[in-house]
Amino acid sequence: MAISRADLFRGRFRSESLPSAEVQPSQAREARIGAACLSYTGTDCRMCGDHCDRGAIRFRPLGRGRWLPIIEEGNCTGCGDCAAVCPVKAMTMEVVAA
């Protein structure tokens, strides 16, 4: 049984997926950051980046202690680990057009 670093950190010992809103397995999903993100308001959170095993979320410095979260779309697998840990539910998983 393989355990990801994020699952071990959260105390989960088996893979659990987020409930998807009518997403077919053949449809690719990617993370999107909403306006409610704490980093946009100047609060240093970075929970999404800490839980992304692929490193698809990076943070660009804006100055004065503020960081802008950026999703590297080529690295995002649509696993939903970032959305599961967002304290303000600003991260969403959206279906990507093929």
PDB file of N, CA and C in Angstrom:
ATOM      1  N   MET A   1       0.851  -1.171   0.000  1.00  0.00           N
ATOM      2  CA  MET A   1       0.000   0.000   0.000  1.00  0.00           C
ATOM      3  C   MET A   1       0.897   1.234   0.000  1.00  0.00           C
ATOM      4  N   ALA A   2       0.721   2.088  -0.982  1.00  0.00           N
ATOM      5  CA  ALA A   2       1.510   3.317  -1.088  1.00  0.00           C
ATOM      6  C   ALA A   2       0.817   4.442  -0.336  1.00  0.00           C
ATOM      7  N   ILE A   3       1.589   5.169   0.454  1.00  0.00           N
ATOM      8  CA  ILE A   3       1.058   6.294   1.209  1.00  0.00           C
ATOM      9  C   ILE A   3       1.771   7.546   0.728  1.00  0.00           C
ATOM     10  N   SER A   4       1.010   8.547   0.311  1.00  0.00           N
ATOM     11  CA  SER A   4       1.629   9.799  -0.117  1.00  0.00           C
ATOM     12  C   SER A   4       2.050  10.598   1.114  1.00  0.00           C
ATOM     13  N   ARG A   5       2.944  11.523   0.894  1.00  0.00           N
ATOM     14  CA  ARG A   5       3.418  12.384   1.968  1.00  0.00           C
ATOM     15  C   ARG A   5       2.265  13.190   2.562  1.00  0.00           C
ATOM     16  N   ALA A   6       1.361  13.676   1.703  1.00  0.00           N
ATOM     17  CA  ALA A   6       0.217  14.464   2.174  1.00  0.00           C
ATOM     18  C   ALA A   6      -0.731  13.601   3.016  1.00  0.00           C
ATOM     19  N   ASP A   7      -0.965  12.353   2.584  1.00  0.00           N
ATOM     20  CA  ASP A   7      -1.836  11.463   3.351  1.00  0.00           C
ATOM     21  C   ASP A   7      -1.239  11.159   4.718  1.00  0.00           C
ATOM     22  N   LEU A   8       0.048  10.936   4.757  1.00  0.00           N
ATOM     23  CA  LEU A   8       0.710  10.660   6.027  1.00  0.00           C
ATOM     24  C   LEU A   8       0.618  11.864   6.957  1.00  0.00           C
ATOM     25  N   PHE A   9       0.796  13.059   6.406  1.00  0.00           N
ATOM     26  CA  PHE A   9       0.710  14.288   7.193  1.00  0.00           C
ATOM     27  C   PHE A   9      -0.681  14.465   7.795  1.00  0.00           C
ATOM     28  N   ARG A  10      -1.715  14.118   7.024  1.00  0.00           N
ATOM     29  CA  ARG A  10      -3.099  14.265   7.478  1.00  0.00           C
ATOM     30  C   ARG A  10      -3.586  13.099   8.325  1.00  0.00           C
ATOM     31  N   GLY A  11      -2.773  12.041   8.447  1.00  0.00           N
ATOM     32  CA  GLY A  11      -3.187  10.899   9.232  1.00  0.00           C
ATOM     33  C   GLY A  11      -4.073   9.933   8.480  1.00  0.00           C
ATOM     34  N   ARG A  12      -4.132  10.057   7.156  1.00  0.00           N
ATOM     35  CA  ARG A  12      -4.923   9.128   6.348  1.00  0.00           C
ATOM     36  C   ARG A  12      -4.011   8.004   5.874  1.00  0.00           C
ATOM     37  N   PHE A  13      -4.520   6.793   5.914  1.00  0.00           N
ATOM     38  CA  PHE A  13      -3.702   5.664   5.503  1.00  0.00           C
ATOM     39  C   PHE A  13      -4.242   4.964   4.279  1.00  0.00           C
ATOM     40  N   ARG A  14      -5.229   5.540   3.654  1.00  0.00           N
ATOM     41  CA  ARG A  14      -5.688   5.037   2.358  1.00  0.00           C
ATOM     42  C   ARG A  14      -6.145   6.233   1.540  1.00  0.00           C
ATOM     43  N   SER A  15      -6.135   6.065   0.259  1.00  0.00           N
ATOM     44  CA  SER A  15      -6.470   7.178  -0.633  1.00  0.00           C
ATOM     45  C   SER A  15      -7.968   7.459  -0.570  1.00  0.00           C
ATOM     46  N   GLU A  16      -8.301   8.714  -0.359  1.00  0.00           N
ATOM     47  CA  GLU A  16      -9.691   9.159  -0.359  1.00  0.00           C
ATOM     48  C   GLU A  16      -9.797  10.288  -1.369  1.00  0.00           C
ATOM     49  N   SER A  17     -10.783  10.227  -2.228  1.00  0.00           N
ATOM     50  CA  SER A  17     -10.935  11.285  -3.209  1.00  0.00           C
ATOM     51  C   SER A  17     -12.056  12.226  -2.802  1.00  0.00           C
ATOM     52  N   LEU A  18     -11.961  13.452  -3.269  1.00  0.00           N
ATOM     53  CA  LEU A  18     -13.012  14.430  -2.996  1.00  0.00           C
ATOM     54  C   LEU A  18     -14.233  14.101  -3.833  1.00  0.00           C
ATOM     55  N   PRO A  19     -15.427  14.366  -3.315  1.00  0.00           N
ATOM     56  CA  PRO A  19     -16.612  14.148  -4.128  1.00  0.00           C
ATOM     57  C   PRO A  19     -16.585  15.075  -5.333  1.00  0.00           C
ATOM     58  N   SER A  20     -16.785  14.504  -6.496  1.00  0.00           N
ATOM     59  CA  SER A  20     -16.741  15.313  -7.706  1.00  0.00           C
ATOM     60  C   SER A  20     -18.152  15.628  -8.168  1.00  0.00           C
ATOM     61  N   ALA A  21     -18.303  16.779  -8.746  1.00  0.00           N
ATOM     62  CA  ALA A  21     -19.605  17.226  -9.229  1.00  0.00           C
ATOM     63  C   ALA A  21     -19.790  16.752 -10.664  1.00  0.00           C
ATOM     64  N   GLU A  22     -20.254  15.514 -10.823  1.00  0.00           N
ATOM     65  CA  GLU A  22     -20.553  14.933 -12.118  1.00  0.00           C
ATOM     66  C   GLU A  22     -19.374  15.000 -13.075  1.00  0.00           C
ATOM     67  N   VAL A  23     -18.198  14.691 -12.609  1.00  0.00           N
ATOM     68  CA  VAL A  23     -17.015  14.669 -13.455  1.00  0.00           C
ATOM     69  C   VAL A  23     -16.756  13.232 -13.874  1.00  0.00           C
ATOM     70  N   GLN A  24     -16.679  13.000 -15.149  1.00  0.00           N
ATOM     71  CA  GLN A  24     -16.396  11.682 -15.670  1.00  0.00           C
ATOM     72  C   GLN A  24     -14.914  11.380 -15.493  1.00  0.00           C
ATOM     73  N   PRO A  25     -14.549  10.114 -15.307  1.00  0.00           N
ATOM     74  CA  PRO A  25     -13.144   9.775 -15.119  1.00  0.00           C
ATOM     75  C   PRO A  25     -12.261  10.215 -16.291  1.00  0.00           C
ATOM     76  N   SER A  26     -12.818  10.299 -17.491  1.00  0.00           N
ATOM     77  CA  SER A  26     -12.033  10.686 -18.657  1.00  0.00           C
ATOM     78  C   SER A  26     -11.815  12.199 -18.747  1.00  0.00           C
ATOM     79  N   GLN A  27     -12.510  12.977 -17.917  1.00  0.00           N
ATOM     80  CA  GLN A  27     -12.368  14.424 -17.944  1.00  0.00           C
ATOM     81  C   GLN A  27     -11.246  14.858 -17.008  1.00  0.00           C
ATOM     82  N   ALA A  28     -10.348  15.663 -17.524  1.00  0.00           N
ATOM     83  CA  ALA A  28      -9.238  16.163 -16.718  1.00  0.00           C
ATOM     84  C   ALA A  28      -9.716  17.324 -15.854  1.00  0.00           C
ATOM     85  N   ARG A  29      -9.164  17.400 -14.625  1.00  0.00           N
ATOM     86  CA  ARG A  29      -9.492  18.499 -13.720  1.00  0.00           C
ATOM     87  C   ARG A  29      -8.208  19.231 -13.359  1.00  0.00           C
ATOM     88  N   GLU A  30      -8.346  20.515 -13.080  1.00  0.00           N
ATOM     89  CA  GLU A  30      -7.226  21.323 -12.613  1.00  0.00           C
ATOM     90  C   GLU A  30      -7.701  22.244 -11.497  1.00  0.00           C
ATOM     91  N   ALA A  31      -6.775  22.597 -10.639  1.00  0.00           N
ATOM     92  CA  ALA A  31      -7.090  23.480  -9.525  1.00  0.00           C
ATOM     93  C   ALA A  31      -7.210  24.922 -10.006  1.00  0.00           C
ATOM     94  N   ARG A  32      -8.104  25.656  -9.368  1.00  0.00           N
ATOM     95  CA  ARG A  32      -8.277  27.083  -9.617  1.00  0.00           C
ATOM     96  C   ARG A  32      -8.314  27.789  -8.266  1.00  0.00           C
ATOM     97  N   ILE A  33      -7.749  28.975  -8.220  1.00  0.00           N
ATOM     98  CA  ILE A  33      -7.714  29.750  -6.984  1.00  0.00           C
ATOM     99  C   ILE A  33      -8.754  30.854  -7.065  1.00  0.00           C
ATOM    100  N   GLY A  34      -9.663  30.890  -6.094  1.00  0.00           N
ATOM    101  CA  GLY A  34     -10.718  31.888  -6.065  1.00  0.00           C
ATOM    102  C   GLY A  34     -10.303  33.153  -5.336  1.00  0.00           C
ATOM    103  N   ALA A  35     -11.144  34.154  -5.410  1.00  0.00           N
ATOM    104  CA  ALA A  35     -10.860  35.462  -4.820  1.00  0.00           C
ATOM    105  C   ALA A  35     -10.807  35.429  -3.297  1.00  0.00           C
ATOM    106  N   ALA A  36     -11.328  34.391  -2.677  1.00  0.00           N
ATOM    107  CA  ALA A  36     -11.326  34.299  -1.216  1.00  0.00           C
ATOM    108  C   ALA A  36      -9.982  33.842  -0.650  1.00  0.00           C
ATOM    109  N   CYS A  37      -9.009  33.573  -1.495  1.00  0.00           N
ATOM    110  CA  CYS A  37      -7.699  33.083  -1.057  1.00  0.00           C
ATOM    111  C   CYS A  37      -7.077  34.049  -0.043  1.00  0.00           C
ATOM    112  N   LEU A  38      -6.602  33.495   1.071  1.00  0.00           N
ATOM    113  CA  LEU A  38      -6.019  34.322   2.129  1.00  0.00           C
ATOM    114  C   LEU A  38      -4.770  35.069   1.665  1.00  0.00           C
ATOM    115  N   SER A  39      -4.026  34.495   0.726  1.00  0.00           N
ATOM    116  CA  SER A  39      -2.822  35.159   0.224  1.00  0.00           C
ATOM    117  C   SER A  39      -3.156  36.462  -0.494  1.00  0.00           C
ATOM    118  N   TYR A  40      -4.331  36.550  -1.103  1.00  0.00           N
ATOM    119  CA  TYR A  40      -4.734  37.784  -1.781  1.00  0.00           C
ATOM    120  C   TYR A  40      -5.000  38.912  -0.784  1.00  0.00           C
ATOM    121  N   THR A  41      -5.346  38.546   0.444  1.00  0.00           N
ATOM    122  CA  THR A  41      -5.645  39.568   1.451  1.00  0.00           C
ATOM    123  C   THR A  41      -4.446  39.918   2.321  1.00  0.00           C
ATOM    124  N   GLY A  42      -3.307  39.271   2.050  1.00  0.00           N
ATOM    125  CA  GLY A  42      -2.096  39.571   2.800  1.00  0.00           C
ATOM    126  C   GLY A  42      -1.814  38.621   3.948  1.00  0.00           C
ATOM    127  N   THR A  43      -2.636  37.596   4.111  1.00  0.00           N
ATOM    128  CA  THR A  43      -2.416  36.597   5.152  1.00  0.00           C
ATOM    129  C   THR A  43      -1.577  35.461   4.577  1.00  0.00           C
ATOM    130  N   ASP A  44      -0.479  35.147   5.245  1.00  0.00           N
ATOM    131  CA  ASP A  44       0.400  34.089   4.761  1.00  0.00           C
ATOM    132  C   ASP A  44      -0.174  32.739   5.158  1.00  0.00           C
ATOM    133  N   CYS A  45      -0.656  31.971   4.190  1.00  0.00           N
ATOM    134  CA  CYS A  45      -1.281  30.683   4.468  1.00  0.00           C
ATOM    135  C   CYS A  45      -0.437  29.545   3.867  1.00  0.00           C
ATOM    136  N   ARG A  46      -0.400  29.414   2.590  1.00  0.00           N
ATOM    137  CA  ARG A  46       0.369  28.422   1.824  1.00  0.00           C
ATOM    138  C   ARG A  46       0.009  26.969   2.106  1.00  0.00           C
ATOM    139  N   MET A  47      -1.153  26.709   2.653  1.00  0.00           N
ATOM    140  CA  MET A  47      -1.566  25.327   2.911  1.00  0.00           C
ATOM    141  C   MET A  47      -1.663  24.534   1.616  1.00  0.00           C
ATOM    142  N   CYS A  48      -2.173  25.148   0.563  1.00  0.00           N
ATOM    143  CA  CYS A  48      -2.341  24.435  -0.701  1.00  0.00           C
ATOM    144  C   CYS A  48      -0.990  23.992  -1.260  1.00  0.00           C
ATOM    145  N   GLY A  49      -0.015  24.868  -1.219  1.00  0.00           N
ATOM    146  CA  GLY A  49       1.311  24.529  -1.726  1.00  0.00           C
ATOM    147  C   GLY A  49       2.000  23.464  -0.895  1.00  0.00           C
ATOM    148  N   ASP A  50       1.784  23.475   0.408  1.00  0.00           N
ATOM    149  CA  ASP A  50       2.384  22.471   1.285  1.00  0.00           C
ATOM    150  C   ASP A  50       1.836  21.076   1.034  1.00  0.00           C
ATOM    151  N   HIS A  51       0.596  20.984   0.578  1.00  0.00           N
ATOM    152  CA  HIS A  51      -0.037  19.682   0.379  1.00  0.00           C
ATOM    153  C   HIS A  51      -0.013  19.214  -1.064  1.00  0.00           C
ATOM    154  N   CYS A  52       0.595  19.963  -1.950  1.00  0.00           N
ATOM    155  CA  CYS A  52       0.676  19.560  -3.358  1.00  0.00           C
ATOM    156  C   CYS A  52       1.947  18.738  -3.562  1.00  0.00           C
ATOM    157  N   ASP A  53       1.774  17.423  -3.713  1.00  0.00           N
ATOM    158  CA  ASP A  53       2.924  16.534  -3.883  1.00  0.00           C
ATOM    159  C   ASP A  53       3.664  16.779  -5.197  1.00  0.00           C
ATOM    160  N   ARG A  54       2.962  17.271  -6.202  1.00  0.00           N
ATOM    161  CA  ARG A  54       3.583  17.509  -7.504  1.00  0.00           C
ATOM    162  C   ARG A  54       4.281  18.866  -7.599  1.00  0.00           C
ATOM    163  N   GLY A  55       4.099  19.731  -6.616  1.00  0.00           N
ATOM    164  CA  GLY A  55       4.708  21.058  -6.656  1.00  0.00           C
ATOM    165  C   GLY A  55       4.077  21.956  -7.705  1.00  0.00           C
ATOM    166  N   ALA A  56       2.798  21.755  -7.960  1.00  0.00           N
ATOM    167  CA  ALA A  56       2.108  22.528  -8.991  1.00  0.00           C
ATOM    168  C   ALA A  56       1.728  23.927  -8.522  1.00  0.00           C
ATOM    169  N   ILE A  57       1.799  24.185  -7.226  1.00  0.00           N
ATOM    170  CA  ILE A  57       1.463  25.504  -6.701  1.00  0.00           C
ATOM    171  C   ILE A  57       2.728  26.141  -6.149  1.00  0.00           C
ATOM    172  N   ARG A  58       3.070  27.284  -6.711  1.00  0.00           N
ATOM    173  CA  ARG A  58       4.233  28.021  -6.215  1.00  0.00           C
ATOM    174  C   ARG A  58       3.763  29.417  -5.809  1.00  0.00           C
ATOM    175  N   PHE A  59       4.610  30.121  -5.094  1.00  0.00           N
ATOM    176  CA  PHE A  59       4.236  31.434  -4.578  1.00  0.00           C
ATOM    177  C   PHE A  59       5.258  32.466  -5.034  1.00  0.00           C
ATOM    178  N   ARG A  60       4.770  33.510  -5.715  1.00  0.00           N
ATOM    179  CA  ARG A  60       5.621  34.587  -6.194  1.00  0.00           C
ATOM    180  C   ARG A  60       5.579  35.731  -5.189  1.00  0.00           C
ATOM    181  N   PRO A  61       6.749  36.236  -4.777  1.00  0.00           N
ATOM    182  CA  PRO A  61       6.767  37.328  -3.797  1.00  0.00           C
ATOM    183  C   PRO A  61       6.235  38.628  -4.402  1.00  0.00           C
ATOM    184  N   LEU A  62       5.386  39.309  -3.652  1.00  0.00           N
ATOM    185  CA  LEU A  62       4.838  40.600  -4.081  1.00  0.00           C
ATOM    186  C   LEU A  62       5.428  41.758  -3.286  1.00  0.00           C
ATOM    187  N   GLY A  63       6.176  41.463  -2.234  1.00  0.00           N
ATOM    188  CA  GLY A  63       6.723  42.500  -1.372  1.00  0.00           C
ATOM    189  C   GLY A  63       5.868  42.700  -0.146  1.00  0.00           C
ATOM    190  N   ARG A  64       6.468  43.267   0.886  1.00  0.00           N
ATOM    191  CA  ARG A  64       5.783  43.520   2.149  1.00  0.00           C
ATOM    192  C   ARG A  64       5.173  42.257   2.750  1.00  0.00           C
ATOM    193  N   GLY A  65       5.847  41.138   2.566  1.00  0.00           N
ATOM    194  CA  GLY A  65       5.393  39.886   3.156  1.00  0.00           C
ATOM    195  C   GLY A  65       4.233  39.221   2.461  1.00  0.00           C
ATOM    196  N   ARG A  66       3.834  39.714   1.300  1.00  0.00           N
ATOM    197  CA  ARG A  66       2.716  39.122   0.569  1.00  0.00           C
ATOM    198  C   ARG A  66       3.244  38.211  -0.531  1.00  0.00           C
ATOM    199  N   TRP A  67       2.523  37.129  -0.781  1.00  0.00           N
ATOM    200  CA  TRP A  67       2.896  36.159  -1.795  1.00  0.00           C
ATOM    201  C   TRP A  67       1.695  35.852  -2.681  1.00  0.00           C
ATOM    202  N   LEU A  68       1.915  35.753  -3.973  1.00  0.00           N
ATOM    203  CA  LEU A  68       0.855  35.447  -4.933  1.00  0.00           C
ATOM    204  C   LEU A  68       0.913  33.974  -5.314  1.00  0.00           C
ATOM    205  N   PRO A  69      -0.148  33.198  -5.035  1.00  0.00           N
ATOM    206  CA  PRO A  69      -0.135  31.783  -5.423  1.00  0.00           C
ATOM    207  C   PRO A  69      -0.354  31.636  -6.926  1.00  0.00           C
ATOM    208  N   ILE A  70       0.439  30.774  -7.529  1.00  0.00           N
ATOM    209  CA  ILE A  70       0.350  30.522  -8.963  1.00  0.00           C
ATOM    210  C   ILE A  70       0.293  29.019  -9.182  1.00  0.00           C
ATOM    211  N   ILE A  71      -0.627  28.568 -10.030  1.00  0.00           N
ATOM    212  CA  ILE A  71      -0.750  27.151 -10.344  1.00  0.00           C
ATOM    213  C   ILE A  71      -0.032  26.865 -11.651  1.00  0.00           C
ATOM    214  N   GLU A  72       0.919  25.960 -11.605  1.00  0.00           N
ATOM    215  CA  GLU A  72       1.608  25.489 -12.804  1.00  0.00           C
ATOM    216  C   GLU A  72       0.704  24.439 -13.433  1.00  0.00           C
ATOM    217  N   GLU A  73      -0.077  24.842 -14.421  1.00  0.00           N
ATOM    218  CA  GLU A  73      -1.116  23.974 -14.960  1.00  0.00           C
ATOM    219  C   GLU A  73      -0.568  22.687 -15.558  1.00  0.00           C
ATOM    220  N   GLY A  74       0.644  22.708 -16.065  1.00  0.00           N
ATOM    221  CA  GLY A  74       1.231  21.492 -16.617  1.00  0.00           C
ATOM    222  C   GLY A  74       1.562  20.460 -15.554  1.00  0.00           C
ATOM    223  N   ASN A  75       1.753  20.898 -14.318  1.00  0.00           N
ATOM    224  CA  ASN A  75       2.088  19.988 -13.220  1.00  0.00           C
ATOM    225  C   ASN A  75       0.875  19.531 -12.427  1.00  0.00           C
ATOM    226  N   CYS A  76      -0.245  20.236 -12.554  1.00  0.00           N
ATOM    227  CA  CYS A  76      -1.441  19.914 -11.770  1.00  0.00           C
ATOM    228  C   CYS A  76      -2.098  18.643 -12.313  1.00  0.00           C
ATOM    229  N   THR A  77      -2.300  17.673 -11.419  1.00  0.00           N
ATOM    230  CA  THR A  77      -2.930  16.412 -11.805  1.00  0.00           C
ATOM    231  C   THR A  77      -4.427  16.385 -11.509  1.00  0.00           C
ATOM    232  N   GLY A  78      -4.921  17.393 -10.808  1.00  0.00           N
ATOM    233  CA  GLY A  78      -6.339  17.436 -10.464  1.00  0.00           C
ATOM    234  C   GLY A  78      -6.700  16.512  -9.318  1.00  0.00           C
ATOM    235  N   CYS A  79      -5.734  16.196  -8.458  1.00  0.00           N
ATOM    236  CA  CYS A  79      -5.972  15.258  -7.351  1.00  0.00           C
ATOM    237  C   CYS A  79      -6.897  15.838  -6.284  1.00  0.00           C
ATOM    238  N   GLY A  80      -6.886  17.167  -6.087  1.00  0.00           N
ATOM    239  CA  GLY A  80      -7.767  17.802  -5.113  1.00  0.00           C
ATOM    240  C   GLY A  80      -7.197  17.927  -3.720  1.00  0.00           C
ATOM    241  N   ASP A  81      -5.937  17.544  -3.519  1.00  0.00           N
ATOM    242  CA  ASP A  81      -5.337  17.661  -2.187  1.00  0.00           C
ATOM    243  C   ASP A  81      -5.308  19.111  -1.723  1.00  0.00           C
ATOM    244  N   CYS A  82      -5.068  20.047  -2.635  1.00  0.00           N
ATOM    245  CA  CYS A  82      -5.016  21.466  -2.275  1.00  0.00           C
ATOM    246  C   CYS A  82      -6.388  21.988  -1.858  1.00  0.00           C
ATOM    247  N   ALA A  83      -7.421  21.561  -2.562  1.00  0.00           N
ATOM    248  CA  ALA A  83      -8.781  22.014  -2.247  1.00  0.00           C
ATOM    249  C   ALA A  83      -9.254  21.465  -0.906  1.00  0.00           C
ATOM    250  N   ALA A  84      -8.790  20.283  -0.551  1.00  0.00           N
ATOM    251  CA  ALA A  84      -9.232  19.654   0.697  1.00  0.00           C
ATOM    252  C   ALA A  84      -8.712  20.378   1.931  1.00  0.00           C
ATOM    253  N   VAL A  85      -7.568  21.038   1.830  1.00  0.00           N
ATOM    254  CA  VAL A  85      -6.967  21.666   3.008  1.00  0.00           C
ATOM    255  C   VAL A  85      -7.153  23.176   3.068  1.00  0.00           C
ATOM    256  N   CYS A  86      -7.734  23.781   2.048  1.00  0.00           N
ATOM    257  CA  CYS A  86      -7.900  25.235   2.026  1.00  0.00           C
ATOM    258  C   CYS A  86      -8.859  25.667   3.140  1.00  0.00           C
ATOM    259  N   PRO A  87      -8.404  26.510   4.075  1.00  0.00           N
ATOM    260  CA  PRO A  87      -9.254  26.887   5.207  1.00  0.00           C
ATOM    261  C   PRO A  87     -10.452  27.751   4.835  1.00  0.00           C
ATOM    262  N   VAL A  88     -10.385  28.434   3.689  1.00  0.00           N
ATOM    263  CA  VAL A  88     -11.505  29.285   3.281  1.00  0.00           C
ATOM    264  C   VAL A  88     -12.190  28.760   2.017  1.00  0.00           C
ATOM    265  N   LYS A  89     -11.838  27.546   1.620  1.00  0.00           N
ATOM    266  CA  LYS A  89     -12.424  26.887   0.447  1.00  0.00           C
ATOM    267  C   LYS A  89     -12.292  27.734  -0.820  1.00  0.00           C
ATOM    268  N   ALA A  90     -11.134  28.385  -0.971  1.00  0.00           N
ATOM    269  CA  ALA A  90     -10.887  29.198  -2.159  1.00  0.00           C
ATOM    270  C   ALA A  90     -10.410  28.355  -3.337  1.00  0.00           C
ATOM    271  N   MET A  91      -9.902  27.168  -3.067  1.00  0.00           N
ATOM    272  CA  MET A  91      -9.425  26.278  -4.129  1.00  0.00           C
ATOM    273  C   MET A  91     -10.571  25.432  -4.641  1.00  0.00           C
ATOM    274  N   THR A  92     -10.722  25.377  -5.938  1.00  0.00           N
ATOM    275  CA  THR A  92     -11.744  24.549  -6.559  1.00  0.00           C
ATOM    276  C   THR A  92     -11.099  23.696  -7.641  1.00  0.00           C
ATOM    277  N   MET A  93     -11.729  22.605  -7.958  1.00  0.00           N
ATOM    278  CA  MET A  93     -11.273  21.730  -9.035  1.00  0.00           C
ATOM    279  C   MET A  93     -12.245  21.890 -10.191  1.00  0.00           C
ATOM    280  N   GLU A  94     -11.753  22.322 -11.334  1.00  0.00           N
ATOM    281  CA  GLU A  94     -12.611  22.559 -12.486  1.00  0.00           C
ATOM    282  C   GLU A  94     -12.235  21.636 -13.627  1.00  0.00           C
ATOM    283  N   VAL A  95     -13.238  21.246 -14.399  1.00  0.00           N
ATOM    284  CA  VAL A  95     -13.013  20.392 -15.556  1.00  0.00           C
ATOM    285  C   VAL A  95     -12.323  21.222 -16.646  1.00  0.00           C
ATOM    286  N   VAL A  96     -11.283  20.644 -17.235  1.00  0.00           N
ATOM    287  CA  VAL A  96     -10.514  21.327 -18.260  1.00  0.00           C
ATOM    288  C   VAL A  96     -11.030  20.890 -19.620  1.00  0.00           C
ATOM    289  N   ALA A  97     -11.247  21.855 -20.498  1.00  0.00           N
ATOM    290  CA  ALA A  97     -11.675  21.533 -21.850  1.00  0.00           C
ATOM    291  C   ALA A  97     -10.578  20.772 -22.576  1.00  0.00           C
ATOM    292  N   ALA A  98     -10.984  19.730 -23.279  1.00  0.00           N
ATOM    293  CA  ALA A  98     -10.003  18.877 -23.966  1.00  0.00           C
ATOM    294  C   ALA A  98      -9.409  19.500 -25.145  1.00  0.00           C
TER     295      ALA A  98
END
